[in-house]
Amino acid sequence: MTDAPSIVWFRRDLRVNDNPALSRAIAGGGPVLPVYVLADDEDGDWRPGGASRWWLHHALASLADALDELGLPLVLEQGSSIDTLRRLADETNAGQVLWNRRYEPAAIERDARVEAALRDDGLETWTGNAALLWEPDQVSNQSGKPFRVFTPFWKHLRSLPAETPVLLPDSRPRAPDTVPDGLAPEELDLLPKRDWADGFSNRWTPTLNGASDALQAFLDGPVNRYGEQRDIPAEAGTSRLSPYLAHGQLGPRQVWAAVHASGAVDRGVGYKYLSEIAWREFGYHLLVHFPDTPTQALNEKYRAFPWSADEETLQAWQTGLTGYPIVDAGMRELWATGWMHNRVRMVVASLLVKHLLQPWQDGARWFWDTLVDADLASNTLGWQWSAGCGADAAPYFRIFNPMLQGEKFDAEGDYVRRWVPELADLPAKHIHTPWEAPAAVLREAGVRLGETYPEPVIDHKAGRERALAALAQLRNG
C-alpha cells in the first residue's frame, strides 16, 4: 500500500463498473483522485459535437454522483491534458496516473504525448481497455493483416474467449487529503445556447442508471424480436444503447455478458444483436489500422469521385425538406432527439451521396454534430459503407429507392406521420409518394406540394441515373 495518490483520468469511460483504470487504482490501496479534463482542442478535427456535449454534461454529473457514493470526488478541469495532469499530480503529490485507452487517431497521438510527459516527471502510468471487447492489434486475419470484410471478422470474434467485465475491488476507496477545487459542471459550457436540444430530455436519461435501465429494458423483451423488428423505425425494436456505449456509460463487455446471462443466445436470438456490437468493434478495428478514413475513402479509387457539393442541397437534406417522406422523417427525428433509427440512417445517407451527389464527409460531419451517440469509428464506417468506398461497403451502384424503403419498413406510414406531420392525413397508399397522389386526396389531407411540403429535390430515376453516370466517370477517368 502507498499513500501517494493515484490520478484516474476519465474520458469516454464515464462509469465506475467495468472500469479497469479505476479498479486498478482502488486496488492499489492508496488515495484515488478521479479527474476529467475537457480538452476539445486535442481531438483534432473531431471535437465533441453539440448533441454529444449535451449528453456529456449530464453524464459527468451522473459519474460524479456514482463516485461520491464510493467516497471519491470528481475533479473537472478544462485545458491542456498534459498541463492539467502535470499540475494536479504536483498539487497532490501523486505517484501515478491511470487511464483507459481511446482509439481515435488524435487521441492515440495525444495519449502518447501525455504518457511521455508524465514519465519525464517521474510518474508511473498505466492504461487499460474499457472501450472494446478486444484490442485492435489482437485481431487479425489468417495473413496477419487487418480484416476488411465484416463476416470473417465476426466469425473470428466468435472464436475468441470473451473477457468478463472488470469488477470493483471490495475495499473502500479513499480520496486524497487535499482535493483540488476544479470546475463546476456549468463552467464547462457544454449545454447548447439555442433551444434545439430541449426535446432530448424527453427521449433520453443520460445517466448511469439510465444506461442500466435501458439495457435491462432491451433484455426484457425487444432482444427476443430484434431480428424481426430492428428494421421497423416506428417500433421500439432496437436497443438504443448506442449513446451509452459512445460515452462509456456502458462497456461492450457489460453488454456482451448481459446478453449471454439473459439466455438470449441460448434461445437463438442473442447473436443477431451481438453482431451489432461486433460491427462497432469492426469500426474501431478499421479506424486504428486505417487512421485517415474519417476524411479519406478507404478504397483509394473513390478519392477522386466527382461529387457535386452544393450548400442549398445539403441544407435541404439537413432540415428534412428533400420531398422524400422517409428521409425527411429521419432527418427531423435526428434534429429533435439526437438519434435516428439505423435503417433510416442508411436511407438518408444513400439519398445524400447517391441521388444528390453530396460528399459523404459532409453527411458524416452533420451526424457528428447532431447525434447523441456520435462515435468516430461507427460514424466513419457507416458513411463509407453508404458511399461504397469503405471496407465491406455496399457497392456504389446499389442505390436505395427511398419510396420502396418507406413502403417496406414503414408500411402504414406511422413513422412518417410522427415526424412529418404535414403528411399525417395522407392514406398509407400515398404517404411515401405524395407527388403521385390524386389532387383530391392531397386536398383532403391538406397537402399542397411545393407549399406545405416540398416536391422531391430530385426525381428518383434522374438521381439514380446521375449517380451511375458519376460512377462511370470515375471508372473511366
Protein backbone atom coordinates (compact mmCIF):
# COMPACT_ATOMS: atom_id res chain seq x y z
CA MET A 1 0.00 0.00 0.00
CA THR A 2 1.20 3.51 -0.78
CA ASP A 3 -0.03 6.91 0.34
CA ALA A 4 0.94 8.55 -2.93
CA PRO A 5 -2.36 9.32 -4.68
CA SER A 6 -3.30 7.75 -7.98
CA ILE A 7 -4.97 10.00 -10.53
CA VAL A 8 -7.61 8.28 -12.67
CA TRP A 9 -8.08 10.22 -15.89
CA PHE A 10 -11.62 9.73 -17.23
CA ARG A 11 -12.51 10.28 -20.89
CA ARG A 12 -15.08 8.21 -22.81
CA ASP A 13 -15.37 5.72 -19.96
CA LEU A 14 -17.81 7.61 -17.75
CA ARG A 15 -18.71 4.74 -15.41
CA VAL A 16 -17.44 3.11 -12.22
CA ASN A 17 -18.19 -0.52 -13.08
CA ASP A 18 -16.09 -2.37 -15.65
CA ASN A 19 -13.58 0.45 -15.49
CA PRO A 20 -10.08 -1.10 -15.44
CA ALA A 21 -8.25 2.12 -14.60
CA LEU A 22 -10.49 2.94 -11.64
CA SER A 23 -10.46 -0.63 -10.36
CA ARG A 24 -6.68 -0.85 -10.53
CA ALA A 25 -6.25 2.47 -8.74
CA ILE A 26 -8.56 1.41 -5.90
CA ALA A 27 -6.89 -1.99 -5.64
CA GLY A 28 -3.55 -0.23 -5.12
CA GLY A 29 -4.76 0.85 -1.70
CA GLY A 30 -3.69 4.47 -1.87
CA PRO A 31 -5.80 7.60 -2.27
CA VAL A 32 -7.61 7.95 -5.59
CA LEU A 33 -8.35 11.19 -7.42
CA PRO A 34 -10.75 10.91 -10.40
CA VAL A 35 -10.24 13.67 -12.97
CA TYR A 36 -12.00 14.70 -16.18
CA VAL A 37 -10.33 17.23 -18.50
CA LEU A 38 -12.36 18.88 -21.25
CA ALA A 39 -9.69 19.39 -23.89
CA ASP A 40 -11.57 19.98 -27.13
CA ASP A 41 -8.53 21.29 -28.96
CA GLU A 42 -6.77 17.94 -28.54
CA ASP A 43 -9.38 15.98 -30.51
CA GLY A 44 -8.11 17.32 -33.80
CA ASP A 45 -10.97 17.98 -36.21
CA TRP A 46 -13.36 15.86 -34.16
CA ARG A 47 -14.09 17.86 -31.03
CA PRO A 48 -17.39 16.78 -29.43
CA GLY A 49 -20.41 17.94 -31.40
CA GLY A 50 -23.36 19.84 -29.97
CA ALA A 51 -25.52 16.82 -29.18
CA SER A 52 -22.60 14.94 -27.62
CA ARG A 53 -21.80 17.92 -25.41
CA TRP A 54 -25.37 17.95 -24.11
CA TRP A 55 -25.06 14.28 -23.21
CA LEU A 56 -21.59 14.77 -21.73
CA HIS A 57 -22.85 17.44 -19.34
CA HIS A 58 -25.36 15.04 -17.80
CA ALA A 59 -23.03 12.04 -17.97
CA LEU A 60 -20.40 13.88 -15.94
CA ALA A 61 -22.98 14.81 -13.30
CA SER A 62 -24.05 11.16 -13.10
CA LEU A 63 -20.44 9.98 -12.84
CA ALA A 64 -19.81 12.49 -10.05
CA ASP A 65 -22.77 11.06 -8.13
CA ALA A 66 -21.56 7.49 -8.60
CA LEU A 67 -18.05 8.37 -7.46
CA ASP A 68 -19.44 10.27 -4.49
CA GLU A 69 -21.18 7.07 -3.37
CA LEU A 70 -17.73 5.46 -3.33
CA GLY A 71 -16.37 8.35 -1.29
CA LEU A 72 -14.43 9.88 -4.16
CA PRO A 73 -14.66 13.35 -5.73
CA LEU A 74 -14.64 14.06 -9.46
CA VAL A 75 -12.39 16.98 -10.33
CA LEU A 76 -13.48 18.72 -13.53
CA GLU A 77 -10.89 20.72 -15.47
CA GLN A 78 -10.61 22.39 -18.85
CA GLY A 79 -7.49 22.95 -20.91
CA SER A 80 -4.44 21.00 -22.00
CA SER A 81 -4.50 17.40 -20.77
CA ILE A 82 -0.72 17.31 -20.33
CA ASP A 83 -0.52 20.58 -18.41
CA THR A 84 -3.56 19.78 -16.27
CA LEU A 85 -2.46 16.28 -15.28
CA ARG A 86 1.05 17.51 -14.51
CA ARG A 87 -0.32 20.30 -12.33
CA LEU A 88 -2.72 18.04 -10.46
CA ALA A 89 -0.01 15.45 -9.90
CA ASP A 90 2.23 18.14 -8.46
CA GLU A 91 -0.52 19.60 -6.25
CA THR A 92 -1.46 16.19 -4.80
CA ASN A 93 1.97 14.53 -4.81
CA ALA A 94 0.53 11.77 -6.97
CA GLY A 95 2.66 8.78 -7.80
CA GLN A 96 0.86 7.52 -10.88
CA VAL A 97 -1.77 8.37 -13.48
CA LEU A 98 -4.08 5.68 -14.87
CA TRP A 99 -6.48 5.85 -17.78
CA ASN A 100 -8.35 3.70 -20.26
CA ARG A 101 -7.24 3.85 -23.84
CA ARG A 102 -9.02 5.64 -26.65
CA TYR A 103 -8.57 4.62 -30.26
CA GLU A 104 -9.26 7.70 -32.35
CA PRO A 105 -6.13 8.82 -34.25
CA ALA A 106 -5.85 12.19 -32.49
CA ALA A 107 -6.41 10.55 -29.09
CA ILE A 108 -3.71 7.94 -29.71
CA GLU A 109 -1.23 10.67 -30.57
CA ARG A 110 -2.28 12.80 -27.60
CA ASP A 111 -2.05 9.87 -25.16
CA ALA A 112 1.48 9.08 -26.31
CA ARG A 113 2.50 12.68 -25.57
CA VAL A 114 0.78 12.59 -22.19
CA GLU A 115 2.49 9.35 -21.21
CA ALA A 116 5.91 10.62 -22.25
CA ALA A 117 5.47 13.89 -20.34
CA LEU A 118 4.28 12.19 -17.15
CA ARG A 119 7.11 9.68 -17.22
CA ASP A 120 9.56 12.55 -17.69
CA ASP A 121 8.15 13.93 -14.43
CA GLY A 122 8.90 10.65 -12.69
CA LEU A 123 5.28 9.48 -12.57
CA GLU A 124 4.19 5.95 -13.27
CA THR A 125 1.48 5.44 -15.89
CA TRP A 126 -0.91 2.58 -16.64
CA THR A 127 -3.53 2.17 -19.35
CA GLY A 128 -6.37 -0.33 -19.72
CA ASN A 129 -9.10 -1.25 -22.17
CA ALA A 130 -12.63 -0.19 -21.28
CA ALA A 131 -13.92 0.59 -24.77
CA LEU A 132 -13.60 -2.61 -26.78
CA LEU A 133 -14.03 -6.34 -26.46
CA TRP A 134 -10.55 -6.94 -27.82
CA GLU A 135 -7.61 -4.73 -28.69
CA PRO A 136 -7.43 -3.99 -32.44
CA ASP A 137 -3.87 -5.30 -32.63
CA GLN A 138 -5.00 -8.60 -31.11
CA VAL A 139 -7.36 -9.31 -34.02
CA SER A 140 -6.04 -10.15 -37.49
CA ASN A 141 -6.89 -12.40 -40.43
CA GLN A 142 -5.01 -15.57 -41.34
CA SER A 143 -2.38 -13.49 -43.11
CA GLY A 144 -1.78 -11.41 -40.00
CA LYS A 145 -3.36 -8.35 -41.61
CA PRO A 146 -6.41 -6.27 -40.65
CA PHE A 147 -9.81 -7.56 -41.64
CA ARG A 148 -11.58 -5.57 -44.33
CA VAL A 149 -14.75 -7.66 -44.53
CA PHE A 150 -17.12 -7.95 -41.61
CA THR A 151 -18.35 -11.56 -41.93
CA PRO A 152 -14.94 -13.21 -41.38
CA PHE A 153 -14.19 -10.60 -38.71
CA TRP A 154 -17.38 -11.55 -36.86
CA LYS A 155 -16.67 -15.24 -37.26
CA HIS A 156 -13.20 -14.72 -35.82
CA LEU A 157 -14.54 -12.76 -32.84
CA ARG A 158 -16.94 -15.56 -32.01
CA SER A 159 -13.98 -17.94 -31.79
CA LEU A 160 -12.21 -15.80 -29.18
CA PRO A 161 -12.80 -16.18 -25.44
CA ALA A 162 -14.81 -13.23 -24.18
CA GLU A 163 -13.33 -11.22 -21.33
CA THR A 164 -15.63 -10.63 -18.38
CA PRO A 165 -16.38 -7.14 -17.05
CA VAL A 166 -13.86 -5.80 -14.56
CA LEU A 167 -15.21 -5.71 -11.01
CA LEU A 168 -14.53 -3.02 -8.44
CA PRO A 169 -12.40 -4.20 -5.53
CA ASP A 170 -14.20 -4.93 -2.28
CA SER A 171 -12.01 -2.41 -0.44
CA ARG A 172 -13.46 1.02 0.19
CA PRO A 173 -11.52 3.65 -1.80
CA ARG A 174 -10.28 6.84 -0.19
CA ALA A 175 -9.73 10.31 -1.54
CA PRO A 176 -6.51 12.32 -1.12
CA ASP A 177 -6.26 14.55 1.94
CA THR A 178 -6.13 17.55 -0.35
CA VAL A 179 -8.52 17.70 -3.31
CA PRO A 180 -8.14 20.49 -5.90
CA ASP A 181 -11.28 22.59 -6.37
CA GLY A 182 -11.82 22.01 -10.08
CA LEU A 183 -14.73 23.48 -12.03
CA ALA A 184 -18.48 23.23 -11.65
CA PRO A 185 -20.18 21.33 -14.50
CA GLU A 186 -21.79 24.55 -15.76
CA GLU A 187 -18.37 26.14 -16.17
CA LEU A 188 -17.50 23.62 -18.87
CA ASP A 189 -20.17 25.33 -21.00
CA LEU A 190 -21.39 22.08 -22.56
CA LEU A 191 -25.10 22.82 -22.83
CA PRO A 192 -26.34 24.44 -26.07
CA LYS A 193 -27.17 28.12 -26.17
CA ARG A 194 -30.09 27.52 -28.55
CA ASP A 195 -33.20 25.53 -27.65
CA TRP A 196 -32.77 22.85 -30.33
CA ALA A 197 -31.86 20.22 -27.71
CA ASP A 198 -34.87 20.85 -25.48
CA GLY A 199 -36.53 17.67 -26.67
CA PHE A 200 -33.59 15.43 -25.82
CA SER A 201 -34.59 15.01 -22.19
CA ASN A 202 -37.99 13.68 -23.25
CA ARG A 203 -36.27 10.81 -25.05
CA TRP A 204 -33.12 10.14 -23.03
CA THR A 205 -31.93 9.59 -19.49
CA PRO A 206 -28.20 10.22 -19.93
CA THR A 207 -27.15 8.75 -16.58
CA LEU A 208 -25.59 5.54 -15.32
CA ASN A 209 -28.98 4.42 -14.01
CA GLY A 210 -30.45 5.28 -17.39
CA ALA A 211 -27.83 3.07 -19.04
CA SER A 212 -28.55 0.06 -16.84
CA ASP A 213 -32.32 0.59 -17.17
CA ALA A 214 -32.07 0.78 -20.96
CA LEU A 215 -30.03 -2.42 -21.09
CA GLN A 216 -32.46 -4.25 -18.86
CA ALA A 217 -35.48 -2.98 -20.79
CA PHE A 218 -33.95 -4.29 -24.01
CA LEU A 219 -33.22 -7.70 -22.48
CA ASP A 220 -36.74 -7.92 -21.04
CA GLY A 221 -38.34 -8.02 -24.47
CA PRO A 222 -37.00 -6.37 -27.62
CA VAL A 223 -33.92 -8.62 -27.83
CA ASN A 224 -36.27 -11.55 -28.47
CA ARG A 225 -37.77 -9.79 -31.50
CA TYR A 226 -34.64 -7.99 -32.62
CA GLY A 227 -34.21 -9.94 -35.84
CA GLU A 228 -37.76 -9.16 -36.96
CA GLN A 229 -38.25 -5.61 -35.66
CA ARG A 230 -34.82 -4.00 -35.86
CA ASP A 231 -35.62 -2.50 -39.28
CA ILE A 232 -39.02 -1.04 -38.38
CA PRO A 233 -38.46 2.61 -37.34
CA ALA A 234 -41.93 3.05 -35.82
CA GLU A 235 -41.31 0.14 -33.41
CA ALA A 236 -39.13 0.14 -30.30
CA GLY A 237 -37.25 -2.80 -31.75
CA THR A 238 -33.66 -1.68 -31.22
CA SER A 239 -31.63 -1.40 -28.03
CA ARG A 240 -30.95 2.37 -28.16
CA LEU A 241 -27.81 1.66 -26.16
CA SER A 242 -25.53 3.42 -28.64
CA PRO A 243 -25.21 6.75 -26.76
CA TYR A 244 -24.39 4.93 -23.54
CA LEU A 245 -21.70 2.97 -25.35
CA ALA A 246 -20.40 6.08 -27.10
CA HIS A 247 -19.87 7.92 -23.82
CA GLY A 248 -18.71 4.86 -21.93
CA GLN A 249 -21.62 4.69 -19.51
CA LEU A 250 -21.86 1.09 -20.68
CA GLY A 251 -18.97 -1.00 -21.90
CA PRO A 252 -19.21 -3.64 -24.63
CA ARG A 253 -18.07 -6.33 -22.18
CA GLN A 254 -21.02 -5.48 -19.96
CA VAL A 255 -23.47 -5.71 -22.85
CA TRP A 256 -21.90 -8.91 -24.16
CA ALA A 257 -22.06 -10.55 -20.74
CA ALA A 258 -25.61 -9.34 -20.05
CA VAL A 259 -26.96 -10.69 -23.35
CA HIS A 260 -25.41 -14.08 -22.62
CA ALA A 261 -26.61 -14.07 -18.99
CA SER A 262 -30.16 -13.28 -20.13
CA GLY A 263 -30.34 -16.55 -22.03
CA ALA A 264 -30.96 -14.75 -25.32
CA VAL A 265 -28.07 -16.54 -27.02
CA ASP A 266 -29.30 -19.92 -25.77
CA ARG A 267 -32.75 -19.06 -27.15
CA GLY A 268 -31.17 -18.41 -30.53
CA VAL A 269 -31.97 -14.69 -30.60
CA GLY A 270 -28.98 -13.00 -28.98
CA TYR A 271 -26.31 -13.34 -31.63
CA LYS A 272 -28.14 -11.11 -34.09
CA TYR A 273 -27.82 -8.24 -31.65
CA LEU A 274 -24.28 -9.15 -30.60
CA SER A 275 -23.28 -8.93 -34.25
CA GLU A 276 -24.13 -5.21 -33.98
CA ILE A 277 -21.73 -4.90 -31.04
CA ALA A 278 -19.19 -6.64 -33.25
CA TRP A 279 -19.94 -4.14 -36.06
CA ARG A 280 -18.98 -1.37 -33.64
CA GLU A 281 -15.83 -3.31 -32.85
CA PHE A 282 -15.14 -3.63 -36.59
CA GLY A 283 -15.35 0.14 -36.89
CA TYR A 284 -12.59 0.60 -34.33
CA HIS A 285 -10.54 -2.17 -35.92
CA LEU A 286 -10.60 -0.21 -39.18
CA LEU A 287 -10.09 3.19 -37.57
CA VAL A 288 -6.93 2.06 -35.79
CA HIS A 289 -5.44 0.36 -38.83
CA PHE A 290 -6.58 2.99 -41.34
CA PRO A 291 -6.48 6.29 -39.39
CA ASP A 292 -7.13 8.54 -42.41
CA THR A 293 -10.59 7.11 -43.04
CA PRO A 294 -12.62 9.75 -41.13
CA THR A 295 -11.90 12.07 -44.06
CA GLN A 296 -10.46 9.85 -46.81
CA ALA A 297 -12.09 6.89 -48.58
CA LEU A 298 -10.53 3.57 -47.61
CA ASN A 299 -10.89 2.49 -51.22
CA GLU A 300 -8.39 4.88 -52.78
CA LYS A 301 -10.01 4.98 -56.21
CA TYR A 302 -13.05 6.69 -54.68
CA ARG A 303 -10.95 9.62 -53.50
CA ALA A 304 -11.36 11.09 -56.98
CA PHE A 305 -15.13 10.63 -57.07
CA PRO A 306 -16.82 13.55 -58.92
CA TRP A 307 -19.00 14.91 -56.13
CA SER A 308 -21.21 17.90 -56.80
CA ALA A 309 -21.15 19.72 -53.47
CA ASP A 310 -23.95 22.26 -53.11
CA GLU A 311 -24.81 24.10 -49.90
CA GLU A 312 -28.50 24.54 -50.72
CA THR A 313 -28.93 20.84 -51.49
CA LEU A 314 -27.10 19.87 -48.31
CA GLN A 315 -29.29 22.21 -46.26
CA ALA A 316 -32.49 20.72 -47.70
CA TRP A 317 -31.27 17.32 -46.56
CA GLN A 318 -30.16 18.57 -43.13
CA THR A 319 -33.51 20.20 -42.42
CA GLY A 320 -35.70 17.34 -43.64
CA LEU A 321 -37.03 19.13 -46.72
CA THR A 322 -35.99 16.77 -49.52
CA GLY A 323 -39.52 15.84 -50.54
CA TYR A 324 -38.87 12.18 -49.76
CA PRO A 325 -41.01 11.45 -46.66
CA ILE A 326 -38.94 8.63 -45.11
CA VAL A 327 -35.78 10.72 -45.50
CA ASP A 328 -37.35 13.87 -44.09
CA ALA A 329 -38.80 11.92 -41.17
CA GLY A 330 -35.36 10.61 -40.30
CA MET A 331 -33.65 13.98 -40.51
CA ARG A 332 -36.31 15.59 -38.33
CA GLU A 333 -36.12 12.77 -35.79
CA LEU A 334 -32.37 13.39 -35.66
CA TRP A 335 -32.78 17.11 -35.02
CA ALA A 336 -35.48 16.64 -32.38
CA THR A 337 -33.98 13.71 -30.46
CA GLY A 338 -30.29 13.48 -31.31
CA TRP A 339 -30.82 9.99 -32.70
CA MET A 340 -32.06 8.25 -35.83
CA HIS A 341 -33.15 4.68 -36.44
CA ASN A 342 -30.37 2.69 -38.12
CA ARG A 343 -32.43 1.57 -41.13
CA VAL A 344 -33.34 5.20 -41.76
CA ARG A 345 -29.70 6.26 -41.35
CA MET A 346 -28.86 4.06 -44.32
CA VAL A 347 -31.72 5.50 -46.39
CA VAL A 348 -30.90 9.16 -45.69
CA ALA A 349 -27.19 8.55 -46.32
CA SER A 350 -27.88 6.83 -49.62
CA LEU A 351 -30.02 9.73 -50.82
CA LEU A 352 -27.34 12.27 -49.91
CA VAL A 353 -24.35 10.58 -51.51
CA LYS A 354 -26.07 8.97 -54.49
CA HIS A 355 -29.19 10.82 -55.61
CA LEU A 356 -27.78 14.18 -54.52
CA LEU A 357 -24.05 13.54 -55.15
CA GLN A 358 -23.03 15.31 -51.96
CA PRO A 359 -19.70 14.27 -50.39
CA TRP A 360 -20.12 11.63 -47.72
CA GLN A 361 -17.83 13.66 -45.48
CA ASP A 362 -20.49 16.41 -45.29
CA GLY A 363 -23.06 13.88 -44.09
CA ALA A 364 -20.60 12.47 -41.57
CA ARG A 365 -19.96 15.96 -40.20
CA TRP A 366 -23.69 16.63 -39.76
CA PHE A 367 -24.21 13.34 -37.96
CA TRP A 368 -21.19 14.04 -35.79
CA ASP A 369 -22.69 17.32 -34.60
CA THR A 370 -26.30 16.17 -34.17
CA LEU A 371 -26.10 12.59 -32.86
CA VAL A 372 -26.01 11.94 -29.13
CA ASP A 373 -24.31 8.65 -29.99
CA ALA A 374 -21.64 10.27 -32.21
CA ASP A 375 -18.73 7.86 -32.35
CA LEU A 376 -15.90 8.44 -34.82
CA ALA A 377 -15.36 4.77 -35.66
CA SER A 378 -19.04 3.94 -36.17
CA ASN A 379 -19.75 7.20 -37.98
CA THR A 380 -16.87 6.66 -40.38
CA LEU A 381 -17.74 3.02 -41.00
CA GLY A 382 -21.40 3.80 -41.65
CA TRP A 383 -20.81 6.66 -44.05
CA GLN A 384 -18.11 4.88 -46.02
CA TRP A 385 -20.41 1.86 -46.23
CA SER A 386 -23.19 4.03 -47.65
CA ALA A 387 -20.84 5.76 -50.08
CA GLY A 388 -19.48 2.45 -51.32
CA CYS A 389 -15.90 3.47 -50.61
CA GLY A 390 -15.04 1.67 -47.37
CA ALA A 391 -14.47 -1.80 -46.02
CA ASP A 392 -17.22 -4.30 -46.77
CA ALA A 393 -19.16 -1.40 -48.28
CA ALA A 394 -22.39 -1.57 -50.22
CA PRO A 395 -21.39 -1.14 -53.89
CA TYR A 396 -21.91 2.41 -55.08
CA PHE A 397 -24.25 1.18 -57.79
CA ARG A 398 -26.58 -0.24 -55.11
CA ILE A 399 -28.87 2.75 -54.73
CA PHE A 400 -31.67 2.67 -52.19
CA ASN A 401 -35.11 3.53 -53.52
CA PRO A 402 -36.45 5.77 -50.72
CA MET A 403 -40.08 5.10 -51.65
CA LEU A 404 -39.68 1.32 -51.57
CA GLN A 405 -37.70 1.56 -48.33
CA GLY A 406 -40.55 3.52 -46.80
CA GLU A 407 -43.21 1.15 -48.08
CA LYS A 408 -41.30 -1.89 -46.84
CA PHE A 409 -40.24 -0.70 -43.39
CA ASP A 410 -42.97 1.87 -42.62
CA ALA A 411 -45.86 0.22 -44.43
CA GLU A 412 -48.62 2.10 -42.61
CA GLY A 413 -46.70 5.36 -42.55
CA ASP A 414 -46.64 5.62 -38.74
CA TYR A 415 -43.03 6.80 -38.65
CA VAL A 416 -43.57 9.43 -41.34
CA ARG A 417 -46.75 10.67 -39.65
CA ARG A 418 -44.87 11.07 -36.38
CA TRP A 419 -42.06 13.19 -37.81
CA VAL A 420 -43.62 14.79 -40.91
CA PRO A 421 -46.99 15.90 -39.51
CA GLU A 422 -47.90 17.87 -42.63
CA LEU A 423 -48.41 14.49 -44.32
CA ALA A 424 -50.21 12.87 -41.39
CA ASP A 425 -53.63 12.75 -43.06
CA LEU A 426 -52.47 11.06 -46.23
CA PRO A 427 -53.54 7.42 -46.63
CA ALA A 428 -50.81 4.81 -46.35
CA LYS A 429 -51.04 4.17 -50.07
CA HIS A 430 -49.68 7.63 -50.84
CA ILE A 431 -47.73 8.70 -47.76
CA HIS A 432 -44.36 7.68 -49.22
CA THR A 433 -45.17 9.10 -52.68
CA PRO A 434 -47.33 12.20 -52.12
CA TRP A 435 -46.47 13.54 -55.59
CA GLU A 436 -48.33 10.55 -57.07
CA ALA A 437 -51.49 11.11 -55.02
CA PRO A 438 -54.59 12.37 -56.85
CA ALA A 439 -55.34 16.05 -56.38
CA ALA A 440 -58.49 15.24 -54.41
CA VAL A 441 -56.55 13.07 -51.97
CA LEU A 442 -54.00 15.83 -51.45
CA ARG A 443 -56.73 18.42 -50.87
CA GLU A 444 -58.50 16.24 -48.34
CA ALA A 445 -55.21 15.69 -46.48
CA GLY A 446 -54.40 19.41 -46.55
CA VAL A 447 -51.22 18.84 -48.55
CA ARG A 448 -50.12 21.43 -51.11
CA LEU A 449 -46.96 20.20 -52.79
CA GLY A 450 -44.39 22.93 -53.12
CA GLU A 451 -46.09 24.89 -50.32
CA THR A 452 -46.87 22.82 -47.23
CA TYR A 453 -44.50 20.05 -48.28
CA PRO A 454 -41.77 20.20 -50.93
CA GLU A 455 -41.61 18.40 -54.22
CA PRO A 456 -38.73 15.87 -54.36
CA VAL A 457 -35.42 17.69 -54.56
CA ILE A 458 -34.57 15.39 -57.45
CA ASP A 459 -36.59 12.76 -59.32
CA HIS A 460 -35.65 9.26 -58.17
CA LYS A 461 -34.94 7.97 -61.66
CA ALA A 462 -32.93 11.05 -62.59
CA GLY A 463 -30.98 10.86 -59.34
CA ARG A 464 -30.20 7.21 -59.88
CA GLU A 465 -29.04 7.79 -63.43
CA ARG A 466 -26.87 10.73 -62.35
CA ALA A 467 -25.25 8.62 -59.63
CA LEU A 468 -24.47 5.82 -62.06
CA ALA A 469 -23.07 8.36 -64.54
CA ALA A 470 -20.77 9.72 -61.83
CA LEU A 471 -19.60 6.19 -61.08
CA ALA A 472 -18.92 5.59 -64.77
CA GLN A 473 -16.97 8.87 -64.93
CA LEU A 474 -14.84 7.72 -62.00
CA ARG A 475 -14.14 4.36 -63.60
CA ASN A 476 -13.28 5.89 -66.96
CA GLY A 477 -11.29 8.74 -65.51
